């Protein structure tokens, strides 16, 4: 019969499901996330880097010279959260005990007493007074990655130093993004004399010798993380500002912007509610690369002695030790490996984000 349907044209349930879930039915954000997850290297880098940051936030639990929990004479104590005098655990003094001292450790493990130590029983500033080798000591059973020239555990230094670097990079990236988006949006939306004035200011400001300013301020003021954030934030927004400016210059001529103006919508609402969401591609793509640049800047400044205050765990300070202690290969090797892995993970994430947000990419 002419109205019959051939058996070969029957609808395949799997094909129908695929048709139902075609990419064109997705929102731009969902499509970008699906593309990002499909990039195995980029997605794995995000998972690994996020795990490293989260673990570093619990550095005191992972690496500390104080027990996490102590049961002594039937009472429970938490030296990680509270400072107890040595007399509490059978010592002779009112000062805090050295929990790595064999005498104190013996008190905490005899007669039914026990103590739970972190996996790495050394803090960032803990000196291993009981080391059997001169400092810097190579990797051994007590210090898995060895010690630095001051006798501090290298593994603890890397954990705490990575936390400072990652948080510094994150905060500096957020500040740079806020300033870059604000200045770029104003330039691109208003254009004309406003754009010209901003561009001349950026050209003059960008010609300032940043390193010389850091040297001058380091000589005048005491080194601090806050001072570094302020100084680096003054220069870290200009790169993103150019990208946001270009996006706003292009999008302000779109029909939806003209329609909003015709309806009497204010400039602020048009900029932040209409144009900015359609200009976020360079902002999101910029984040991993900016964060890697911030971490590298902090490491470089610490290497030169212009970074964080002395005594603060620092990857740059460890690299400087490796330069002066050429025989202590474990210092420079492990620090350099951690820094390279961190920067590579951020680079892979940035490449994956750029591909996921590229409108020229066509789904297979």
Protein backbone atom coordinates (compact mmCIF):
# COMPACT_ATOMS: atom_id res chain seq x y z
CA UNK A 1 0.00 0.00 0.00
CA UNK A 2 1.18 3.51 -0.73
CA UNK A 3 0.52 4.63 2.87
CA UNK A 4 2.47 1.83 4.52
CA UNK A 5 5.76 2.56 6.27
CA UNK A 6 8.69 0.32 5.31
CA UNK A 7 10.25 -1.64 8.14
CA UNK A 8 13.64 -0.13 7.38
CA UNK A 9 12.34 3.36 8.22
CA UNK A 10 11.30 2.46 11.76
CA UNK A 11 12.60 4.86 14.41
CA UNK A 12 15.62 3.70 16.38
CA UNK A 13 15.15 4.53 20.09
CA UNK A 14 18.87 5.28 20.53
CA UNK A 15 18.89 7.56 17.50
CA UNK A 16 15.83 9.35 18.84
CA UNK A 17 17.54 9.83 22.20
CA UNK A 18 20.65 11.18 20.49
CA UNK A 19 18.46 13.50 18.45
CA UNK A 20 16.79 14.69 21.64
CA UNK A 21 20.13 15.44 23.32
CA UNK A 22 21.81 17.19 20.41
CA UNK A 23 24.22 19.96 21.40
CA UNK A 24 22.05 22.69 19.88
CA UNK A 25 19.50 22.16 22.66
CA UNK A 26 22.10 22.98 25.34
CA UNK A 27 22.77 26.32 26.92
CA UNK A 28 26.14 27.92 26.06
CA UNK A 29 27.45 27.20 29.56
CA UNK A 30 26.41 23.54 29.46
CA UNK A 31 27.91 23.14 26.00
CA UNK A 32 31.20 24.69 27.11
CA UNK A 33 31.32 22.45 30.20
CA UNK A 34 30.65 19.35 28.07
CA UNK A 35 33.43 20.33 25.70
CA UNK A 36 35.76 20.97 28.60
CA UNK A 37 35.06 17.58 30.18
CA UNK A 38 35.65 15.93 26.82
CA UNK A 39 39.18 17.31 26.88
CA UNK A 40 40.68 14.63 29.10
CA UNK A 41 43.97 16.38 29.73
CA UNK A 42 42.31 19.66 30.70
CA UNK A 43 39.65 18.04 32.87
CA UNK A 44 42.21 15.81 34.62
CA UNK A 45 44.36 18.88 35.24
CA UNK A 46 41.40 20.64 36.86
CA UNK A 47 40.74 17.66 39.13
CA UNK A 48 44.40 17.26 40.13
CA UNK A 49 45.00 20.97 40.73
CA UNK A 50 41.77 21.33 42.73
CA UNK A 51 42.76 18.33 44.86
CA UNK A 52 46.20 19.86 45.49
CA UNK A 53 44.69 23.17 46.57
CA UNK A 54 42.10 21.53 48.84
CA UNK A 55 44.72 19.32 50.48
CA UNK A 56 46.99 22.30 51.03
CA UNK A 57 44.18 24.08 52.86
CA UNK A 58 44.41 21.29 55.44
CA UNK A 59 48.19 21.53 55.67
CA UNK A 60 48.12 21.60 59.47
CA UNK A 61 46.34 18.24 59.48
CA UNK A 62 48.72 16.71 56.95
CA UNK A 63 51.99 18.14 58.21
CA UNK A 64 52.48 19.43 61.74
CA UNK A 65 54.71 18.82 64.74
CA UNK A 66 51.73 18.70 67.12
CA UNK A 67 49.50 15.64 67.56
CA UNK A 68 45.99 15.78 66.21
CA UNK A 69 44.55 14.04 69.25
CA UNK A 70 46.06 12.83 72.55
CA UNK A 71 44.65 10.56 75.24
CA UNK A 72 46.63 11.06 78.43
CA UNK A 73 45.64 9.67 81.85
CA UNK A 74 42.07 9.15 80.67
CA UNK A 75 41.68 12.72 79.33
CA UNK A 76 41.52 13.78 75.70
CA UNK A 77 43.53 16.71 74.35
CA UNK A 78 43.84 18.40 70.95
CA UNK A 79 47.29 20.04 70.74
CA UNK A 80 46.57 21.06 67.16
CA UNK A 81 43.84 23.41 68.36
CA UNK A 82 45.04 24.34 71.83
CA UNK A 83 48.43 25.06 73.37
CA UNK A 84 49.09 23.00 76.50
CA UNK A 85 52.03 23.38 78.90
CA UNK A 86 54.54 20.59 79.13
CA UNK A 87 53.38 19.81 82.68
CA UNK A 88 50.06 18.62 81.27
CA UNK A 89 51.82 15.58 79.83
CA UNK A 90 54.21 14.88 82.70
CA UNK A 91 56.92 17.39 81.81
CA UNK A 92 58.72 19.85 84.07
CA UNK A 93 58.00 23.23 82.46
CA UNK A 94 55.06 25.55 81.81
CA UNK A 95 56.18 26.17 78.24
CA UNK A 96 54.64 24.29 75.27
CA UNK A 97 56.22 20.86 74.86
CA UNK A 98 58.30 19.66 71.96
CA UNK A 99 56.11 16.78 70.81
CA UNK A 100 59.00 15.34 68.79
CA UNK A 101 61.15 15.02 71.91
CA UNK A 102 61.60 11.29 72.67
CA UNK A 103 60.88 11.99 76.35
CA UNK A 104 57.48 13.60 75.59
CA UNK A 105 56.64 10.98 72.98
CA UNK A 106 57.38 8.31 75.53
CA UNK A 107 55.02 9.97 78.01
CA UNK A 108 52.27 10.01 75.38
CA UNK A 109 52.61 6.32 74.51
CA UNK A 110 53.05 4.57 77.84
CA UNK A 111 50.53 3.31 80.37
CA UNK A 112 47.54 3.24 78.01
CA UNK A 113 48.22 6.73 76.67
CA UNK A 114 48.31 7.35 72.94
CA UNK A 115 48.72 10.17 70.44
CA UNK A 116 47.68 10.51 66.78
CA UNK A 117 50.27 12.47 64.82
CA UNK A 118 49.82 13.93 61.30
CA UNK A 119 51.12 11.80 58.42
CA UNK A 120 54.16 14.09 58.25
CA UNK A 121 55.07 15.03 61.85
CA UNK A 122 56.80 18.30 60.94
CA UNK A 123 55.51 21.83 60.55
CA UNK A 124 56.77 24.46 58.14
CA UNK A 125 59.14 25.91 60.74
CA UNK A 126 59.98 22.73 62.66
CA UNK A 127 63.68 22.06 63.07
CA UNK A 128 64.70 18.44 63.28
CA UNK A 129 67.03 18.66 66.27
CA UNK A 130 67.30 14.89 66.39
CA UNK A 131 68.64 14.46 62.87
CA UNK A 132 71.65 12.18 62.67
CA UNK A 133 73.04 14.00 59.62
CA UNK A 134 74.18 17.61 59.17
CA UNK A 135 71.89 20.06 57.42
CA UNK A 136 70.82 20.02 54.69
CA UNK A 137 70.14 16.31 55.17
CA UNK A 138 69.20 14.06 52.23
CA UNK A 139 65.90 12.12 52.14
CA UNK A 140 65.66 9.51 54.89
CA UNK A 141 63.10 7.67 56.99
CA UNK A 142 62.48 10.69 59.24
CA UNK A 143 62.38 13.37 56.54
CA UNK A 144 61.02 11.78 53.39
CA UNK A 145 62.23 14.55 51.10
CA UNK A 146 65.16 15.62 53.27
CA UNK A 147 65.72 18.92 55.05
CA UNK A 148 66.77 22.38 53.93
CA UNK A 149 69.87 24.23 55.06
CA UNK A 150 68.17 25.28 58.31
CA UNK A 151 67.03 21.78 59.24
CA UNK A 152 63.37 22.28 58.29
CA UNK A 153 61.49 19.38 56.76
CA UNK A 154 61.37 19.88 53.00
CA UNK A 155 58.01 18.12 52.50
CA UNK A 156 56.38 20.46 55.03
CA UNK A 157 57.99 23.45 53.32
CA UNK A 158 56.57 22.38 49.96
CA UNK A 159 53.05 21.82 51.31
CA UNK A 160 52.87 25.16 53.07
CA UNK A 161 54.73 26.98 50.30
CA UNK A 162 52.33 25.66 47.68
CA UNK A 163 49.36 26.83 49.75
CA UNK A 164 50.73 30.35 49.97
CA UNK A 165 51.52 30.41 46.24
CA UNK A 166 48.11 29.04 45.20
CA UNK A 167 46.11 31.38 47.45
CA UNK A 168 48.27 34.35 46.43
CA UNK A 169 47.75 33.52 42.77
CA UNK A 170 44.00 33.12 43.25
CA UNK A 171 43.57 36.44 45.10
CA UNK A 172 45.78 38.32 42.65
CA UNK A 173 43.83 36.81 39.74
CA UNK A 174 40.49 37.86 41.21
CA UNK A 175 41.71 41.42 41.80
CA UNK A 176 43.18 41.61 38.30
CA UNK A 177 39.97 40.31 36.73
CA UNK A 178 37.80 42.82 38.60
CA UNK A 179 40.00 45.76 37.62
CA UNK A 180 40.47 44.52 34.06
CA UNK A 181 36.77 43.94 33.46
CA UNK A 182 35.84 47.31 34.95
CA UNK A 183 38.32 49.37 32.94
CA UNK A 184 37.84 47.39 29.74
CA UNK A 185 34.06 47.62 29.96
CA UNK A 186 34.11 51.39 30.46
CA UNK A 187 36.51 51.89 27.55
CA UNK A 188 34.68 49.62 25.16
CA UNK A 189 31.15 50.74 25.96
CA UNK A 190 31.61 54.51 25.94
CA UNK A 191 34.42 54.67 23.37
CA UNK A 192 35.42 58.06 21.98
CA UNK A 193 37.31 60.38 24.32
CA UNK A 194 36.78 58.04 27.28
CA UNK A 195 38.47 55.20 25.44
CA UNK A 196 41.24 57.48 24.19
CA UNK A 197 41.98 58.82 27.68
CA UNK A 198 42.10 55.32 29.18
CA UNK A 199 44.37 54.08 26.40
CA UNK A 200 46.85 56.91 26.92
CA UNK A 201 46.82 56.25 30.68
CA UNK A 202 47.41 52.52 30.15
CA UNK A 203 50.32 53.25 27.80
CA UNK A 204 51.95 55.51 30.38
CA UNK A 205 51.20 53.22 33.32
CA UNK A 206 52.39 50.14 31.45
CA UNK A 207 55.75 51.78 30.79
CA UNK A 208 56.47 52.04 34.52
CA UNK A 209 59.42 49.82 35.61
CA UNK A 210 57.53 47.33 37.78
CA UNK A 211 60.60 45.54 39.12
CA UNK A 212 62.27 48.81 40.14
CA UNK A 213 59.14 49.88 41.98
CA UNK A 214 59.11 46.57 43.85
CA UNK A 215 62.75 47.04 44.82
CA UNK A 216 62.09 50.57 46.06
CA UNK A 217 59.01 49.62 48.06
CA UNK A 218 60.78 46.57 49.51
CA UNK A 219 63.54 48.86 50.75
CA UNK A 220 61.10 51.35 52.30
CA UNK A 221 58.45 49.02 53.74
CA UNK A 222 58.68 45.72 55.58
CA UNK A 223 58.02 42.75 53.25
CA UNK A 224 54.47 41.45 53.46
CA UNK A 225 52.02 39.49 51.34
CA UNK A 226 49.55 42.40 51.44
CA UNK A 227 52.16 44.79 50.01
CA UNK A 228 52.95 42.36 47.21
CA UNK A 229 49.27 41.99 46.36
CA UNK A 230 48.82 45.75 46.16
CA UNK A 231 51.89 46.34 44.01
CA UNK A 232 51.27 43.48 41.60
CA UNK A 233 47.57 44.31 41.35
CA UNK A 234 48.48 47.78 40.07
CA UNK A 235 49.91 46.20 36.92
CA UNK A 236 48.15 42.85 36.58
CA UNK A 237 44.87 44.10 35.09
CA UNK A 238 46.04 45.68 31.84
CA UNK A 239 46.24 42.51 29.74
CA UNK A 240 42.67 41.47 30.43
CA UNK A 241 41.44 45.04 30.02
CA UNK A 242 42.39 45.00 26.33
CA UNK A 243 40.41 41.82 25.67
CA UNK A 244 37.31 43.05 27.50
CA UNK A 245 37.53 46.40 25.71
CA UNK A 246 37.59 44.68 22.33
CA UNK A 247 34.57 42.54 23.24
CA UNK A 248 32.58 45.56 24.40
CA UNK A 249 33.49 47.52 21.27
CA UNK A 250 32.14 44.69 19.16
CA UNK A 251 29.03 43.86 21.20
CA UNK A 252 27.85 47.43 21.77
CA UNK A 253 26.82 47.58 18.11
CA UNK A 254 24.63 44.49 18.35
CA UNK A 255 20.86 44.72 17.83
CA UNK A 256 20.03 43.68 21.39
CA UNK A 257 22.06 46.61 22.76
CA UNK A 258 20.36 49.05 20.41
CA UNK A 259 16.97 47.68 21.40
CA UNK A 260 17.80 48.09 25.09
CA UNK A 261 18.82 51.69 24.52
CA UNK A 262 15.61 52.36 22.58
CA UNK A 263 13.63 51.01 25.54
CA UNK A 264 15.39 53.46 27.86
CA UNK A 265 17.55 50.94 29.73
CA UNK A 266 20.40 52.65 31.60
CA UNK A 267 24.03 52.32 30.59
CA UNK A 268 24.98 50.43 33.74
CA UNK A 269 22.33 47.76 33.22
CA UNK A 270 23.22 47.38 29.55
CA UNK A 271 26.91 46.96 30.40
CA UNK A 272 26.61 44.45 33.24
CA UNK A 273 23.36 42.64 32.42
CA UNK A 274 23.50 42.44 28.63
CA UNK A 275 26.99 42.97 27.20
CA UNK A 276 29.20 41.48 29.95
CA UNK A 277 27.60 37.98 29.90
CA UNK A 278 28.27 37.88 26.15
CA UNK A 279 31.87 39.02 26.65
CA UNK A 280 32.97 36.49 29.26
CA UNK A 281 34.91 34.18 26.93
CA UNK A 282 38.24 36.05 27.20
CA UNK A 283 37.71 36.55 30.93
CA UNK A 284 37.22 32.86 31.70
CA UNK A 285 39.99 31.78 29.34
CA UNK A 286 42.33 34.31 30.95
CA UNK A 287 41.97 32.92 34.50
CA UNK A 288 44.34 29.89 34.49
CA UNK A 289 47.06 31.74 32.59
CA UNK A 290 46.81 34.74 34.90
CA UNK A 291 47.00 32.52 37.96
CA UNK A 292 50.09 30.73 36.65
CA UNK A 293 51.71 34.12 35.97
CA UNK A 294 50.89 35.25 39.53
CA UNK A 295 52.43 32.10 41.05
CA UNK A 296 55.52 32.48 38.89
CA UNK A 297 55.81 36.18 39.84
CA UNK A 298 55.66 35.39 43.56
CA UNK A 299 58.23 32.62 43.17
CA UNK A 300 60.55 34.89 41.21
CA UNK A 301 60.29 37.70 43.75
CA UNK A 302 60.92 35.28 46.63
CA UNK A 303 63.94 33.95 44.76
CA UNK A 304 65.29 37.52 44.59
CA UNK A 305 64.47 38.19 48.25
CA UNK A 306 61.71 40.69 47.42
CA UNK A 307 58.72 38.54 48.23
CA UNK A 308 57.16 37.24 51.42
CA UNK A 309 58.68 38.00 54.86
CA UNK A 310 61.69 35.91 55.93
CA UNK A 311 60.73 32.63 57.55
CA UNK A 312 57.54 32.25 55.50
CA UNK A 313 57.37 28.98 53.54
CA UNK A 314 58.24 29.89 49.97
CA UNK A 315 58.98 28.00 46.79
CA UNK A 316 61.23 30.82 45.59
CA UNK A 317 63.26 30.77 48.79
CA UNK A 318 63.75 27.01 48.40
CA UNK A 319 64.93 27.49 44.82
CA UNK A 320 67.40 30.05 46.09
CA UNK A 321 68.64 27.52 48.64
CA UNK A 322 69.03 24.99 45.85
CA UNK A 323 71.16 27.50 43.92
CA UNK A 324 73.48 28.06 46.87
CA UNK A 325 73.46 24.40 48.01
CA UNK A 326 74.35 22.61 44.79
CA UNK A 327 75.17 19.38 46.65
CA UNK A 328 71.68 19.32 48.16
CA UNK A 329 70.05 18.24 44.89
CA UNK A 330 66.83 17.23 46.64
CA UNK A 331 65.97 20.86 47.46
CA UNK A 332 66.04 22.26 43.94
CA UNK A 333 64.76 19.06 42.29
CA UNK A 334 61.58 18.65 44.36
CA UNK A 335 60.79 22.37 44.42
CA UNK A 336 61.30 22.76 40.69
CA UNK A 337 59.19 19.63 40.03
CA UNK A 338 56.30 20.98 42.13
CA UNK A 339 56.46 24.35 40.38
CA UNK A 340 56.57 22.81 36.89
CA UNK A 341 53.66 20.47 37.65
CA UNK A 342 51.58 23.38 38.99
CA UNK A 343 52.24 25.58 35.96
CA UNK A 344 51.60 22.72 33.53
CA UNK A 345 48.27 21.90 35.15
CA UNK A 346 47.15 25.52 34.88
CA UNK A 347 48.33 25.70 31.26
CA UNK A 348 46.43 22.55 30.30
CA UNK A 349 43.32 23.94 32.00
CA UNK A 350 43.66 27.21 30.10
CA UNK A 351 44.07 25.45 26.75
CA UNK A 352 41.02 23.28 27.45
CA UNK A 353 38.93 26.31 28.44
CA UNK A 354 39.97 28.16 25.30
CA UNK A 355 38.93 25.24 23.10
CA UNK A 356 35.66 24.75 25.00
CA UNK A 357 34.67 28.39 24.60
CA UNK A 358 35.85 28.80 21.01
CA UNK A 359 32.71 29.46 18.90
CA UNK A 360 34.50 28.20 15.80
CA UNK A 361 34.72 24.71 17.26
CA UNK A 362 32.13 22.37 15.78
CA UNK A 363 30.93 19.36 17.78
CA UNK A 364 31.52 16.02 16.19
